[in-house]
Amino acid sequence: MLRNTGRNSLMIDEGEGEEDDSSEWIMSYADTVTLLLCFFIIFFAESQNNKEQDILDQVMMALNPPATDTQKEQSKGEGDRQKAAMLSQLEGQLKDKLHEFEVKKVNMGIERRRKEILLRLYEKDFFHIGSFALKPKGKEVLKSVAEMVKPFEDAILIKVEGHSDSLPVNPFSSYKTNLNLSSLRASQAANVLVDFDVKEEKIRVVGFGSANLLVPDRNPASSEYIPENGRKNRRIEVRIQVQSDAADQYINLVF
């Protein structure tokens, strides 16, 4: 600060200058270093976490190594044996139960295949001619089938197929084609299974009409109809398959 000394001269008061700002840059530098140190600590901690995770993954892989091809084959073989055992158990129970109906001369058959149990239910004892209405005896058989498969239904898929012979339907019938009639018969049989508590989502229904004849019902030379073979072709087939082996190729059809 300047002041008058009384002799027409000025003197500088050294005790009252502006404040010294030389420390400001030191504070900014310290803050920057502190921030850099914090970032470094965070990055270091993150890298350590990743290393720990890698070590943990390696330990888990050592304790639980991926299955070899041989082990996969062994596992598949064990699964196949379990499926076969389940089908054998179900087949035995069905045969015991359905034998009662065979004694009563119900026209039906049961066949064990490698990955399924096949039931054939022929028209004579199950449907009225030219109709999809089930006879009481047919409902009784299907009720027994439902009771037998119920304990296994979580592991199986049931395919109900309708089949006809090669004779065209009666022109005065309410059904336009054999495909139409066979589909309705299959649906009717499936409905009985559902009525006796088989889950609807475990059932597939399809009608084949005369596409899959069990035996030829026409004389190759004359094309004359063979009634005995025609009766074998008019049938419902119930295929009971292990779920994983059942190619879900059918949809529920309603005509």
Protein backbone atom coordinates (compact mmCIF):
# COMPACT_ATOMS: atom_id res chain seq x y z
CA MET A 1 0.00 0.00 0.00
CA LEU A 2 1.28 3.49 -0.86
CA ARG A 3 1.35 6.21 1.78
CA ASN A 4 2.58 9.78 2.09
CA THR A 5 5.69 10.20 4.21
CA GLY A 6 5.29 13.85 4.50
CA ARG A 7 8.33 14.66 2.32
CA ASN A 8 6.62 14.49 -0.98
CA SER A 9 7.62 10.92 -1.47
CA LEU A 10 5.85 7.64 -1.49
CA MET A 11 6.79 4.45 0.34
CA ILE A 12 5.55 0.95 -0.12
CA ASP A 13 4.05 -0.70 2.92
CA GLU A 14 5.45 -4.19 2.69
CA GLY A 15 3.16 -5.51 5.41
CA GLU A 16 -0.10 -5.14 3.43
CA GLY A 17 0.37 -6.83 0.03
CA GLU A 18 -2.13 -9.19 -1.81
CA GLU A 19 -2.49 -12.74 -0.54
CA ASP A 20 0.01 -15.28 -1.94
CA ASP A 21 -1.76 -17.86 -4.30
CA SER A 22 1.27 -20.10 -4.81
CA SER A 23 -0.39 -23.00 -2.90
CA GLU A 24 -3.36 -23.33 -5.28
CA TRP A 25 -1.54 -25.44 -7.86
CA ILE A 26 -0.31 -27.74 -5.11
CA MET A 27 -3.90 -28.51 -4.04
CA SER A 28 -5.01 -29.23 -7.64
CA TYR A 29 -2.07 -31.56 -8.15
CA ALA A 30 -2.82 -33.42 -4.90
CA ASP A 31 -6.46 -33.93 -5.90
CA THR A 32 -5.44 -35.30 -9.29
CA VAL A 33 -2.97 -37.73 -7.76
CA THR A 34 -5.62 -38.89 -5.28
CA LEU A 35 -8.12 -39.56 -8.09
CA LEU A 36 -5.54 -41.47 -10.11
CA LEU A 37 -4.72 -43.55 -7.05
CA CYS A 38 -8.42 -44.36 -6.54
CA PHE A 39 -8.80 -45.46 -10.17
CA PHE A 40 -5.70 -47.61 -9.86
CA ILE A 41 -7.06 -49.30 -6.74
CA ILE A 42 -10.41 -49.99 -8.47
CA PHE A 43 -8.74 -51.47 -11.57
CA PHE A 44 -6.44 -53.60 -9.44
CA ALA A 45 -9.33 -54.93 -7.35
CA GLU A 46 -11.32 -55.78 -10.50
CA SER A 47 -8.40 -57.64 -12.02
CA GLN A 48 -7.99 -59.64 -8.82
CA ASN A 49 -11.70 -60.58 -8.88
CA ASN A 50 -11.36 -61.84 -12.46
CA LYS A 51 -8.33 -63.91 -11.50
CA GLU A 52 -10.23 -65.41 -8.56
CA GLN A 53 -13.15 -66.27 -10.84
CA ASP A 54 -10.79 -67.91 -13.35
CA ILE A 55 -9.21 -69.96 -10.58
CA LEU A 56 -12.67 -70.99 -9.30
CA ASP A 57 -13.74 -72.01 -12.82
CA GLN A 58 -10.62 -74.12 -13.22
CA VAL A 59 -11.22 -75.84 -9.88
CA MET A 60 -14.85 -76.58 -10.76
CA MET A 61 -13.82 -77.97 -14.15
CA ALA A 62 -11.24 -80.20 -12.45
CA LEU A 63 -13.86 -81.48 -10.00
CA ASN A 64 -16.55 -81.89 -12.68
CA PRO A 65 -14.84 -82.63 -15.99
CA PRO A 66 -17.06 -82.69 -19.11
CA ALA A 67 -18.40 -86.09 -20.05
CA THR A 68 -16.39 -88.02 -22.58
CA ASP A 69 -18.00 -89.68 -25.61
CA THR A 70 -17.76 -93.02 -23.83
CA GLN A 71 -19.51 -91.65 -20.75
CA LYS A 72 -22.23 -90.13 -22.95
CA GLU A 73 -22.79 -93.48 -24.62
CA GLN A 74 -22.95 -95.21 -21.24
CA SER A 75 -25.47 -92.64 -20.00
CA LYS A 76 -27.58 -93.07 -23.13
CA GLY A 77 -27.43 -96.83 -22.74
CA GLU A 78 -28.60 -96.57 -19.14
CA GLY A 79 -31.44 -94.28 -20.19
CA ASP A 80 -32.51 -96.74 -22.90
CA ARG A 81 -32.51 -99.59 -20.38
CA GLN A 82 -34.69 -97.58 -18.01
CA LYS A 83 -37.15 -96.79 -20.82
CA ALA A 84 -37.26 -100.44 -21.86
CA ALA A 85 -37.89 -101.51 -18.26
CA MET A 86 -40.73 -99.01 -17.93
CA LEU A 87 -42.37 -100.21 -21.16
CA SER A 88 -42.00 -103.83 -20.06
CA GLN A 89 -43.69 -103.05 -16.76
CA LEU A 90 -46.55 -101.24 -18.48
CA GLU A 91 -46.86 -103.98 -21.10
CA GLY A 92 -47.20 -106.64 -18.39
CA GLN A 93 -49.92 -104.69 -16.60
CA LEU A 94 -51.82 -104.05 -19.82
CA LYS A 95 -51.67 -107.70 -20.87
CA ASP A 96 -52.94 -108.84 -17.48
CA LYS A 97 -55.81 -106.38 -17.57
CA LEU A 98 -56.73 -106.81 -21.22
CA HIS A 99 -56.66 -110.59 -20.92
CA GLU A 100 -60.00 -110.26 -19.13
CA PHE A 101 -61.45 -108.76 -22.30
CA GLU A 102 -59.83 -111.38 -24.53
CA VAL A 103 -61.66 -114.00 -22.50
CA LYS A 104 -64.84 -112.11 -23.31
CA LYS A 105 -63.93 -112.41 -27.00
CA VAL A 106 -63.22 -108.73 -27.49
CA ASN A 107 -61.58 -108.30 -30.89
CA MET A 108 -58.29 -106.57 -30.03
CA GLY A 109 -54.55 -107.13 -29.86
CA ILE A 110 -51.44 -105.91 -28.05
CA GLU A 111 -47.96 -105.84 -29.52
CA ARG A 112 -44.63 -104.78 -27.98
CA ARG A 113 -42.24 -103.02 -30.29
CA ARG A 114 -38.76 -101.74 -29.53
CA LYS A 115 -39.85 -98.30 -28.37
CA GLU A 116 -43.62 -98.55 -28.04
CA ILE A 117 -46.59 -100.62 -27.04
CA LEU A 118 -49.22 -100.95 -29.76
CA LEU A 119 -52.88 -101.68 -29.04
CA ARG A 120 -55.18 -102.55 -31.93
CA LEU A 121 -58.90 -102.11 -31.32
CA TYR A 122 -61.01 -103.46 -34.16
CA GLU A 123 -64.29 -101.99 -35.35
CA LYS A 124 -66.40 -105.07 -34.63
CA ASP A 125 -66.39 -104.63 -30.85
CA PHE A 126 -65.68 -100.91 -30.60
CA PHE A 127 -67.79 -99.02 -33.16
CA HIS A 128 -71.08 -99.39 -34.92
CA ILE A 129 -70.66 -99.81 -38.68
CA GLY A 130 -70.33 -96.46 -40.43
CA SER A 131 -70.40 -94.58 -37.11
CA PHE A 132 -67.89 -93.03 -34.72
CA ALA A 133 -70.08 -93.80 -31.68
CA LEU A 134 -68.27 -96.14 -29.29
CA LYS A 135 -69.97 -99.29 -28.08
CA PRO A 136 -70.16 -99.80 -24.28
CA LYS A 137 -67.59 -102.60 -24.51
CA GLY A 138 -65.19 -100.27 -26.30
CA LYS A 139 -65.53 -97.62 -23.61
CA GLU A 140 -64.84 -100.25 -20.96
CA VAL A 141 -61.58 -101.29 -22.63
CA LEU A 142 -60.43 -97.69 -23.07
CA LYS A 143 -61.24 -96.97 -19.43
CA SER A 144 -58.93 -99.84 -18.41
CA VAL A 145 -56.20 -98.51 -20.72
CA ALA A 146 -56.50 -95.06 -19.12
CA GLU A 147 -56.19 -96.55 -15.63
CA MET A 148 -53.07 -98.52 -16.64
CA VAL A 149 -51.21 -95.63 -18.31
CA LYS A 150 -52.11 -92.97 -15.74
CA PRO A 151 -49.16 -93.72 -13.37
CA PHE A 152 -46.75 -93.48 -16.33
CA GLU A 153 -48.22 -90.48 -18.15
CA ASP A 154 -45.46 -88.02 -17.25
CA ALA A 155 -42.97 -90.18 -19.16
CA ILE A 156 -45.09 -91.24 -22.15
CA LEU A 157 -46.93 -89.93 -25.17
CA ILE A 158 -50.10 -91.60 -26.45
CA LYS A 159 -50.94 -91.53 -30.15
CA VAL A 160 -54.46 -92.50 -31.14
CA GLU A 161 -54.79 -93.34 -34.84
CA GLY A 162 -57.93 -94.04 -36.84
CA HIS A 163 -57.82 -96.42 -39.84
CA SER A 164 -60.41 -97.61 -42.36
CA ASP A 165 -60.65 -100.11 -45.19
CA SER A 166 -60.58 -99.24 -48.87
CA LEU A 167 -64.37 -99.24 -49.40
CA PRO A 168 -65.74 -95.73 -50.04
CA VAL A 169 -68.17 -94.44 -47.45
CA ASN A 170 -71.87 -94.74 -48.08
CA PRO A 171 -72.93 -91.78 -50.25
CA PHE A 172 -75.89 -91.21 -47.93
CA SER A 173 -73.60 -91.09 -44.89
CA SER A 174 -72.94 -87.86 -43.03
CA TYR A 175 -69.20 -88.51 -43.45
CA LYS A 176 -67.70 -87.39 -46.71
CA THR A 177 -64.64 -89.65 -46.70
CA ASN A 178 -62.95 -92.51 -44.87
CA LEU A 179 -60.42 -89.95 -43.65
CA ASN A 180 -63.23 -88.00 -42.04
CA LEU A 181 -64.70 -91.09 -40.33
CA SER A 182 -61.36 -92.46 -39.12
CA SER A 183 -60.42 -89.08 -37.64
CA LEU A 184 -63.69 -88.86 -35.73
CA ARG A 185 -63.25 -92.39 -34.37
CA ALA A 186 -59.72 -91.61 -33.18
CA SER A 187 -60.95 -88.40 -31.54
CA GLN A 188 -63.77 -90.27 -29.82
CA ALA A 189 -61.36 -92.86 -28.41
CA ALA A 190 -59.00 -90.10 -27.22
CA ASN A 191 -61.90 -88.31 -25.52
CA VAL A 192 -62.62 -91.44 -23.46
CA LEU A 193 -58.99 -91.49 -22.24
CA VAL A 194 -59.31 -87.84 -21.23
CA ASP A 195 -62.65 -88.54 -19.51
CA PHE A 196 -60.77 -91.02 -17.30
CA ASP A 197 -58.11 -88.50 -16.29
CA VAL A 198 -55.33 -88.96 -18.84
CA LYS A 199 -53.89 -85.51 -19.47
CA GLU A 200 -55.06 -84.07 -22.77
CA GLU A 201 -51.58 -82.71 -23.57
CA LYS A 202 -50.19 -86.27 -23.49
CA ILE A 203 -52.43 -87.40 -26.38
CA ARG A 204 -52.08 -86.94 -30.14
CA VAL A 205 -54.88 -87.79 -32.55
CA VAL A 206 -54.81 -88.44 -36.29
CA GLY A 207 -56.97 -90.14 -38.90
CA PHE A 208 -55.36 -92.01 -41.80
CA GLY A 209 -58.43 -93.19 -43.64
CA SER A 210 -57.40 -96.06 -45.95
CA ALA A 211 -53.81 -94.80 -46.32
CA ASN A 212 -52.28 -97.42 -43.96
CA LEU A 213 -54.01 -100.72 -44.62
CA LEU A 214 -52.96 -103.48 -42.25
CA VAL A 215 -53.55 -106.07 -44.99
CA PRO A 216 -54.57 -105.67 -48.64
CA ASP A 217 -58.35 -105.86 -48.86
CA ARG A 218 -58.60 -106.01 -52.65
CA ASN A 219 -57.87 -108.96 -54.89
CA PRO A 220 -54.80 -107.94 -56.94
CA ALA A 221 -56.17 -109.61 -60.06
CA SER A 222 -59.79 -108.50 -59.99
CA SER A 223 -59.81 -105.60 -57.47
CA GLU A 224 -62.67 -107.44 -55.77
CA TYR A 225 -63.14 -106.43 -52.12
CA ILE A 226 -62.12 -109.01 -49.49
CA PRO A 227 -64.49 -108.55 -46.49
CA GLU A 228 -62.35 -110.53 -44.02
CA ASN A 229 -59.32 -108.30 -44.66
CA GLY A 230 -61.50 -105.20 -44.64
CA ARG A 231 -62.58 -106.00 -41.07
CA LYS A 232 -58.91 -106.11 -40.01
CA ASN A 233 -58.26 -102.72 -41.55
CA ARG A 234 -61.14 -100.96 -39.81
CA ARG A 235 -59.46 -100.26 -36.47
CA ILE A 236 -58.12 -97.83 -33.90
CA GLU A 237 -54.44 -98.05 -32.96
CA VAL A 238 -53.23 -96.71 -29.62
CA ARG A 239 -49.45 -96.24 -29.56
CA ILE A 240 -47.88 -95.76 -26.12
CA GLN A 241 -44.37 -94.35 -26.51
CA VAL A 242 -41.68 -93.05 -24.19
CA GLN A 243 -41.92 -89.25 -24.39
CA SER A 244 -38.36 -88.55 -25.59
CA ASP A 245 -38.65 -91.22 -28.29
CA ALA A 246 -41.99 -90.04 -29.59
CA ALA A 247 -41.59 -87.74 -32.56
CA ASP A 248 -44.34 -85.20 -31.99
CA GLN A 249 -45.49 -85.28 -35.59
CA TYR A 250 -49.25 -85.30 -35.10
CA ILE A 251 -51.64 -82.56 -34.19
CA ASN A 252 -55.07 -82.92 -32.68
CA LEU A 253 -57.57 -83.01 -35.52
CA VAL A 254 -61.26 -82.22 -35.27
CA PHE A 255 -63.51 -82.67 -38.32
